[in-house]
Protein backbone atom coordinates (compact mmCIF):
# COMPACT_ATOMS: atom_id res chain seq x y z
CA MET A 1 -7.40 -23.42 -40.26
CA MET A 2 -10.62 -22.28 -38.63
CA ILE A 3 -10.95 -22.60 -34.90
CA PRO A 4 -14.26 -24.29 -33.93
CA PRO A 5 -16.83 -22.02 -32.21
CA VAL A 6 -16.77 -24.31 -29.19
CA VAL A 7 -13.18 -23.17 -28.51
CA TRP A 8 -14.24 -19.54 -28.44
CA SER A 9 -17.10 -20.48 -26.14
CA ILE A 10 -14.67 -22.19 -23.77
CA LEU A 11 -12.44 -19.11 -23.79
CA PHE A 12 -15.43 -16.87 -23.06
CA TYR A 13 -16.47 -19.07 -20.13
CA ALA A 14 -12.87 -18.99 -18.92
CA PHE A 15 -13.03 -15.19 -19.07
CA CYS A 16 -16.27 -15.23 -17.05
CA THR A 17 -14.66 -17.56 -14.50
CA VAL A 18 -11.64 -15.28 -14.12
CA ILE A 19 -13.90 -12.26 -13.62
CA ALA A 20 -15.95 -14.19 -11.06
CA ILE A 21 -12.79 -15.04 -9.11
CA GLN A 22 -11.68 -11.41 -9.20
CA VAL A 23 -15.07 -10.14 -8.04
CA PHE A 24 -15.02 -12.68 -5.22
CA TYR A 25 -11.67 -11.34 -3.96
CA TYR A 26 -12.86 -7.75 -4.18
CA LEU A 27 -16.13 -8.43 -2.37
CA TYR A 28 -14.93 -10.95 0.22
CA PHE A 29 -11.45 -9.62 1.00
CA PHE A 30 -10.77 -6.14 -0.29
CA SER A 31 -14.12 -4.59 0.58
CA ARG A 32 -13.24 -5.16 4.24
CA LEU A 33 -10.49 -2.56 3.98
CA ALA A 34 -12.51 -0.26 1.72
CA PHE A 35 -15.31 -0.02 4.30
CA TYR A 36 -13.13 -0.42 7.40
CA LYS A 37 -13.72 1.72 10.45
CA ALA A 38 -11.32 1.52 13.36
CA PRO A 39 -12.97 0.03 16.45
CA ALA A 40 -14.15 2.65 18.91
CA LYS A 41 -12.23 2.61 22.17
CA GLU A 42 -13.74 3.95 25.37
CA VAL A 43 -10.31 4.34 26.93
CA SER A 44 -7.00 4.79 25.14
CA HIS A 45 -3.77 3.77 26.79
CA GLU A 46 -0.23 4.91 26.11
CA HIS A 47 2.10 1.99 26.59
CA PRO A 48 5.85 2.23 26.94
CA VAL A 49 7.30 1.75 23.44
CA SER A 50 10.65 0.77 22.01
CA VAL A 51 11.21 1.92 18.42
CA VAL A 52 13.79 -0.29 16.69
CA ILE A 53 15.72 0.93 13.65
CA CYS A 54 18.56 -0.92 11.91
CA ALA A 55 21.03 0.89 9.69
CA ARG A 56 24.05 0.00 7.60
CA ASP A 57 25.93 2.81 5.89
CA GLU A 58 22.90 5.07 6.12
CA ALA A 59 24.32 8.21 7.71
CA ASP A 60 22.42 10.47 5.33
CA ASN A 61 19.13 8.67 5.92
CA LEU A 62 19.62 8.79 9.68
CA ALA A 63 20.35 12.51 9.57
CA ARG A 64 17.27 13.09 7.44
CA ASN A 65 14.72 10.77 9.04
CA LEU A 66 15.68 10.11 12.65
CA PRO A 67 14.39 13.52 13.85
CA GLY A 68 10.87 12.51 12.77
CA VAL A 69 11.04 9.56 15.17
CA LEU A 70 12.69 11.49 18.00
CA VAL A 71 10.19 14.38 18.09
CA GLN A 72 7.06 12.25 18.35
CA ASP A 73 4.29 13.73 20.50
CA TYR A 74 4.31 10.93 23.03
CA LYS A 75 4.31 11.68 26.73
CA THR A 76 4.71 8.12 27.98
CA THR A 77 8.06 6.41 28.41
CA HIS A 78 9.67 5.40 25.13
CA GLU A 79 13.07 4.80 23.58
CA VAL A 80 14.59 4.70 20.13
CA VAL A 81 16.92 1.74 19.62
CA VAL A 82 19.28 2.39 16.71
CA VAL A 83 21.38 -0.58 15.64
CA ASN A 84 24.33 0.55 13.49
CA ASP A 85 25.37 -2.66 11.79
CA ASN A 86 29.01 -2.70 10.68
CA SER A 87 28.74 0.65 8.97
CA THR A 88 31.77 2.20 7.34
CA ASP A 89 30.31 5.69 6.99
CA ASP A 90 29.71 8.39 9.63
CA GLY A 91 26.49 6.83 10.92
CA ARG A 92 27.78 6.33 14.45
CA TYR A 93 28.72 10.00 14.73
CA VAL A 94 25.31 11.07 13.46
CA ILE A 95 23.65 8.95 16.13
CA ASP A 96 25.99 10.21 18.85
CA GLU A 97 25.22 13.78 17.84
CA PHE A 98 21.49 13.18 18.21
CA ASN A 99 22.15 11.48 21.52
CA LYS A 100 23.38 14.78 22.95
CA SER A 101 19.90 16.25 22.64
CA PHE A 102 17.75 13.11 22.94
CA LYS A 103 18.64 10.95 25.90
CA ASN A 104 16.18 8.20 24.99
CA ILE A 105 18.39 6.91 22.16
CA ASN A 106 19.77 3.44 22.77
CA HIS A 107 22.70 3.19 20.37
CA ILE A 108 23.95 -0.31 19.58
CA GLN A 109 27.14 -0.48 17.54
CA LEU A 110 27.82 -3.83 15.89
CA THR A 111 31.35 -4.46 14.65
CA GLN A 112 31.21 -8.13 13.67
CA GLU A 113 29.17 -9.96 11.06
CA ALA A 114 26.92 -12.78 12.20
CA LYS A 115 27.81 -16.14 10.68
CA MET A 116 25.10 -18.21 9.00
CA ILE A 117 22.48 -15.48 9.47
CA SER A 118 21.40 -13.66 6.33
CA GLY A 119 20.03 -10.17 5.86
CA LYS A 120 19.36 -7.84 8.75
CA LYS A 121 17.91 -10.47 11.07
CA PHE A 122 20.91 -10.44 13.42
CA PRO A 123 21.06 -6.65 13.96
CA LEU A 124 17.27 -6.55 14.29
CA SER A 125 17.40 -9.39 16.82
CA MET A 126 20.04 -7.52 18.80
CA GLY A 127 17.91 -4.40 18.78
CA ILE A 128 14.81 -6.27 19.92
CA ARG A 129 16.61 -8.12 22.68
CA SER A 130 18.13 -4.85 23.89
CA ALA A 131 14.74 -3.09 23.89
CA LYS A 132 13.51 -2.11 27.35
CA TYR A 133 9.79 -2.24 26.66
CA GLU A 134 7.28 -4.87 25.62
CA ILE A 135 5.75 -3.06 22.65
CA LEU A 136 8.13 -2.84 19.71
CA LEU A 137 7.64 -0.43 16.82
CA LEU A 138 9.80 -1.22 13.80
CA THR A 139 10.75 1.03 10.92
CA ASP A 140 13.73 1.56 8.60
CA ALA A 141 16.44 4.20 8.48
CA ASP A 142 15.11 5.46 5.14
CA CYS A 143 11.61 6.00 6.58
CA THR A 144 10.11 8.91 8.43
CA PRO A 145 6.77 9.04 10.27
CA ALA A 146 4.01 10.86 8.40
CA SER A 147 3.13 12.80 11.55
CA GLU A 148 4.16 13.35 15.16
CA TYR A 149 1.33 11.02 16.20
CA TRP A 150 2.71 7.90 14.52
CA MET A 151 3.87 6.28 17.75
CA GLN A 152 0.63 7.04 19.59
CA LYS A 153 -1.61 5.80 16.76
CA MET A 154 0.26 2.54 16.23
CA GLN A 155 0.45 1.54 19.90
CA ASP A 156 -3.17 2.51 20.52
CA ALA A 157 -4.32 -0.48 18.46
CA TYR A 158 -3.21 -2.90 21.17
CA THR A 159 -5.88 -4.63 23.24
CA ASP A 160 -5.62 -7.50 25.69
CA ASN A 161 -5.48 -10.03 22.84
CA THR A 162 -3.42 -8.03 20.35
CA GLU A 163 0.18 -9.04 19.79
CA ILE A 164 0.80 -7.69 16.27
CA VAL A 165 -0.14 -4.40 14.61
CA LEU A 166 0.25 -3.95 10.85
CA GLY A 167 0.77 -0.44 9.49
CA TYR A 168 1.10 1.13 6.06
CA GLY A 169 4.51 2.10 4.71
CA ALA A 170 3.91 4.61 1.93
CA TYR A 171 6.27 6.39 -0.45
CA HIS A 172 6.72 10.09 -1.02
CA LYS A 173 4.79 11.54 -3.94
CA ARG A 174 7.22 12.61 -6.63
CA PRO A 175 6.84 13.59 -10.31
CA GLY A 176 7.10 10.91 -12.96
CA ILE A 177 5.43 7.68 -14.02
CA LEU A 178 7.85 5.45 -12.07
CA ASN A 179 6.72 7.09 -8.83
CA LYS A 180 3.10 6.28 -9.65
CA LEU A 181 3.96 2.69 -10.54
CA ILE A 182 5.87 2.18 -7.28
CA ARG A 183 3.16 3.76 -5.18
CA PHE A 184 0.39 1.80 -6.92
CA GLU A 185 2.22 -1.50 -6.42
CA THR A 186 2.76 -0.57 -2.76
CA PHE A 187 -0.92 0.32 -2.41
CA HIS A 188 -1.98 -2.90 -4.13
CA THR A 189 0.21 -4.99 -1.81
CA ALA A 190 -1.22 -3.20 1.23
CA LEU A 191 -4.74 -3.73 -0.09
CA GLN A 192 -4.03 -7.45 0.09
CA TYR A 193 -2.19 -7.90 3.39
CA LEU A 194 -4.41 -5.47 5.32
CA SER A 195 -7.61 -6.97 3.88
CA TYR A 196 -6.45 -10.50 4.59
CA ALA A 197 -5.73 -9.51 8.19
CA LEU A 198 -9.27 -8.12 8.52
CA ALA A 199 -10.60 -11.40 7.09
CA GLY A 200 -8.76 -13.34 9.80
CA THR A 201 -5.97 -14.55 7.50
CA PRO A 202 -2.96 -12.31 8.17
CA TYR A 203 0.02 -13.34 6.10
CA MET A 204 2.62 -10.53 6.14
CA GLY A 205 3.63 -7.09 7.33
CA VAL A 206 6.15 -4.53 6.10
CA GLY A 207 9.22 -3.66 8.13
CA ARG A 208 8.81 0.03 7.28
CA ASN A 209 5.85 0.21 9.65
CA LEU A 210 5.26 -2.79 11.88
CA SER A 211 4.68 -3.42 15.56
CA TYR A 212 4.62 -6.52 17.71
CA LYS A 213 5.26 -7.50 21.30
CA LYS A 214 8.70 -8.54 22.43
CA GLU A 215 7.19 -11.60 24.07
CA VAL A 216 5.98 -12.86 20.67
CA PHE A 217 9.50 -12.56 19.31
CA LEU A 218 11.05 -14.39 22.27
CA ARG A 219 8.31 -17.04 22.44
CA ASN A 220 8.94 -17.97 18.82
CA LYS A 221 12.73 -17.95 19.27
CA GLY A 222 13.16 -14.89 17.14
CA PHE A 223 14.09 -15.49 13.53
CA SER A 224 15.75 -18.85 14.22
CA SER A 225 13.50 -20.75 11.78
CA ILE A 226 14.17 -18.32 8.90
CA ASN A 227 17.77 -17.29 9.61
CA GLN A 228 19.00 -19.03 6.45
CA ILE A 229 16.66 -16.98 4.23
CA PRO A 230 18.19 -13.66 3.10
CA SER A 231 15.06 -11.58 3.75
CA GLY A 232 11.77 -12.22 5.51
CA ASP A 233 12.42 -10.52 8.85
CA ASP A 234 9.05 -8.82 8.41
CA ASP A 235 6.79 -10.83 6.10
CA LEU A 236 7.96 -14.37 6.91
CA PHE A 237 8.07 -13.74 10.64
CA ILE A 238 4.52 -12.36 10.58
CA ASN A 239 3.46 -15.24 8.32
CA GLN A 240 4.55 -17.64 11.04
CA VAL A 241 3.22 -15.94 14.17
CA ALA A 242 0.14 -13.94 13.11
CA THR A 243 -3.33 -15.37 13.76
CA ALA A 244 -6.91 -14.23 13.30
CA ASN A 245 -7.10 -13.22 16.95
CA ASN A 246 -3.73 -11.61 17.68
CA THR A 247 -3.42 -9.19 14.73
CA ALA A 248 -4.77 -5.66 14.27
CA ILE A 249 -4.27 -3.01 11.61
CA VAL A 250 -3.84 0.78 11.67
CA ILE A 251 -4.51 2.80 8.51
CA ASP A 252 -4.87 6.29 9.95
CA PRO A 253 -2.82 8.62 7.68
CA ASP A 254 -1.10 10.00 10.79
CA ALA A 255 0.20 6.49 11.46
CA HIS A 256 1.82 5.97 8.05
CA THR A 257 5.53 6.07 7.40
CA LEU A 258 7.04 7.64 4.29
CA SER A 259 10.05 6.43 2.31
CA GLU A 260 11.92 7.82 -0.65
CA PRO A 261 11.08 5.66 -3.70
CA LYS A 262 13.65 4.25 -6.10
CA LYS A 263 14.53 6.54 -8.97
CA ARG A 264 15.51 3.85 -11.48
CA TRP A 265 13.43 0.99 -12.79
CA SER A 266 16.31 -1.51 -12.46
CA HIS A 267 16.85 -0.64 -8.78
CA TRP A 268 13.16 -1.07 -8.04
CA MET A 269 12.98 -4.40 -9.88
CA THR A 270 15.97 -5.67 -7.91
CA GLN A 271 14.18 -4.73 -4.71
CA LYS A 272 10.96 -6.45 -5.82
CA TYR A 273 12.79 -9.63 -6.89
CA ARG A 274 14.28 -9.86 -3.43
CA HIS A 275 10.91 -9.43 -1.77
CA TYR A 276 9.06 -11.91 -4.00
CA THR A 277 11.62 -14.67 -3.51
CA THR A 278 10.45 -14.93 0.11
CA SER A 279 6.81 -15.61 -0.82
CA ARG A 280 7.67 -19.22 -1.69
CA TYR A 281 8.11 -19.81 2.07
CA TYR A 282 4.58 -18.66 3.00
CA LYS A 283 2.09 -21.11 4.46
CA PRO A 284 0.33 -23.22 1.80
CA LYS A 285 -3.07 -21.56 2.27
CA HIS A 286 -1.53 -18.12 1.78
CA LYS A 287 0.35 -19.22 -1.33
CA PHE A 288 -2.88 -20.63 -2.75
CA LEU A 289 -4.95 -17.52 -2.06
CA LEU A 290 -2.28 -15.13 -3.33
CA GLY A 291 -1.47 -17.32 -6.32
CA LEU A 292 -5.09 -17.68 -7.40
CA TYR A 293 -5.63 -13.95 -7.18
CA SER A 294 -2.47 -13.12 -9.13
CA LEU A 295 -3.24 -15.70 -11.81
CA SER A 296 -6.80 -14.47 -12.28
CA GLN A 297 -5.58 -10.88 -12.39
CA PHE A 298 -2.94 -11.78 -14.98
CA LEU A 299 -5.54 -13.44 -17.23
CA VAL A 300 -8.18 -10.69 -17.16
CA TYR A 301 -6.92 -8.53 -20.02
CA PRO A 302 -5.66 -11.25 -22.41
CA LEU A 303 -9.01 -13.06 -22.11
CA LEU A 304 -10.87 -9.77 -22.42
CA ALA A 305 -9.05 -9.06 -25.68
CA VAL A 306 -9.91 -12.51 -27.03
CA ALA A 307 -13.56 -12.16 -25.97
CA LEU A 308 -13.88 -8.72 -27.56
CA ILE A 309 -12.39 -9.83 -30.90
CA PHE A 310 -13.76 -13.33 -31.34
CA CYS A 311 -16.83 -13.53 -29.11
CA ASN A 312 -19.83 -11.32 -28.42
CA TRP A 313 -18.14 -8.00 -27.66
CA TRP A 314 -21.03 -6.44 -25.75
CA MET A 315 -21.37 -9.49 -23.50
CA ALA A 316 -17.62 -9.37 -22.87
CA LEU A 317 -17.80 -5.70 -21.96
CA SER A 318 -20.79 -6.34 -19.70
CA VAL A 319 -18.94 -9.06 -17.79
CA TYR A 320 -15.83 -6.90 -17.52
CA GLY A 321 -18.00 -3.97 -16.42
CA VAL A 322 -19.10 -5.88 -13.32
CA ARG A 323 -15.49 -6.22 -12.20
CA LEU A 324 -14.71 -2.61 -13.14
CA LEU A 325 -17.64 -1.30 -11.08
CA VAL A 326 -16.74 -3.30 -7.97
CA GLN A 327 -13.05 -2.50 -8.40
CA SER A 328 -13.74 1.21 -8.82
CA VAL A 329 -15.64 1.41 -5.54
CA VAL A 330 -13.00 -0.56 -3.63
CA PHE A 331 -10.05 1.32 -5.12
CA PHE A 332 -11.60 4.75 -4.63
CA ARG A 333 -12.47 4.15 -0.99
CA THR A 334 -9.19 2.42 -0.14
CA MET A 335 -6.97 4.95 -1.94
CA LYS A 336 -8.75 7.67 -0.01
CA LYS A 337 -8.15 5.86 3.30
CA LEU A 338 -4.46 5.28 2.53
CA ASN A 339 -3.90 8.85 1.34
CA GLU A 340 -3.24 7.76 -2.25
CA ARG A 341 -6.24 9.48 -3.82
CA ASP A 342 -4.13 11.13 -6.55
CA LEU A 343 -3.83 7.62 -8.07
CA VAL A 344 -7.61 7.33 -8.56
CA PRO A 345 -7.68 8.88 -12.09
CA TRP A 346 -4.91 6.50 -13.13
CA PHE A 347 -6.19 3.30 -11.60
CA LEU A 348 -7.47 1.67 -14.80
CA LEU A 349 -4.19 2.19 -16.65
CA LEU A 350 -2.28 1.07 -13.56
CA ASP A 351 -4.46 -2.02 -13.29
CA ILE A 352 -3.66 -2.91 -16.93
CA TRP A 353 0.02 -2.29 -16.18
CA LEU A 354 -0.11 -5.00 -13.46
CA PHE A 355 -0.35 -7.55 -16.29
CA PHE A 356 3.13 -6.51 -17.48
CA TYR A 357 4.37 -6.20 -13.88
CA HIS A 358 3.59 -9.87 -13.31
CA ILE A 359 5.67 -10.72 -16.38
CA PHE A 360 8.60 -8.62 -15.14
CA THR A 361 8.56 -10.20 -11.67
CA LEU A 362 7.97 -13.77 -12.87
CA PRO A 363 11.70 -14.70 -12.64
CA ALA A 364 11.50 -14.22 -8.87
CA ILE A 365 9.57 -17.52 -8.70
CA TRP A 366 12.62 -19.61 -9.62
CA LYS A 367 15.50 -17.26 -8.81
CA ALA A 368 17.45 -17.94 -5.64
CA PRO A 369 17.17 -15.16 -3.06
CA ARG A 370 20.08 -12.73 -3.04
CA LYS A 371 21.91 -12.26 0.22
CA ASN A 372 21.43 -8.53 0.51
CA TRP A 373 21.46 -6.88 3.93
CA ASP A 374 18.02 -5.29 3.47
C-alpha cells in the first residue's frame, strides 16, 4: 500500500516545526547562558556564611571531601554545619576528628528518624535552623569544591534583591563512555535551569551547589509543603520560591563543585528515575516549557530520518543544518564556560544519544517516587 505524498509532506512540515521549536529554545533561552557575562560589581562584600552538609553513612566521603570545604580561602566569619543523620558507620568520629583542627564545624548528630517526612528534608531542615548566619551554602557529602574560592564566589553573587544563587554541580572527568554520558546529561540539565533563570523563569537548582538565604527558608515554612515527596529538597523548593527578581547564577569554574559519578549504568538510571519523578510537581508553566523542549528534542532524529529517506533529502539536511549551526555555537560557548570543553568533539553523538536517554527515563513519568534518603 502506497502512502500518499501528502502524508510525507505533512511529516516534512512536522520536522520543520520541530526544528523551529528547537531553534527557538536555543536562541531565546540557551543563548543567554552561552553569551552570559557576570555583572560587574564596583564593591564586593564577604558575608558571613553557613555551609550546610547532610550525611548518612558517608564516613569515606566526609573524610575525602570535607577538607575541601574547611580550607576555603575565606577571611570572613563562616561555619560548616554537618548533619550526621542516623549513620551507622564511623561518620561521627570523622567529623569529631576534623573538629579538633577546625573549630568552625557545627556537628549535629541525629539519632531518631523523622516521621512522615521523606528523604533528607528533616536533617537538612535541622541543619538550616541550626545555622548561625543568613546566607546558606548547600552541598553534599560526596561533593568537593572545585577551588578554595568556592565560598567567596558563590556568596559574592548576592545583591540587595538576591535571595537565591544557583551554582553548577559538575562531575569528575574519568575514562569511559558512561562518564561522558553522565557529564553531558548534567551539562544539558544545567544549560536549561541556568538559562531559564537568566530568562526570568527559574525552576530548579541542584543541592550539590546551591545557596539561599535562611529567611527565605523560614518565610516559606521550610519544606512543609513538599515533606511528603521523597526528594525535591533542592529542585522543588527552588521551584516554589524562586522568582525573576530574587535569583542569580554563578558559573565561574572556581565556584563549581565536583562529585564522583556513578560507575554503573543501573545505579545512574536509578538516580535519574528518582530525580525525574519530582518534575511532575513543578509549576504548570515550567512543565509546559520543559515538556515541549523534551518532546521536540525527542522527535528531531526520527523525523530527520523520515525526511531524508522519503522526502527531499537536501532540504531536510538544510533545515537540520540550521539547528546544528545554532546548537554548535551554544554548546561550544557553554561547555567552555562550564569547564566541559572536552565534550565538544562528542556533542553531536551525545545529542543523538539523548533520543535513547528519553526512552530510558520515560518510566519515571508514571513511576511512584522511591523513598530514598538522597
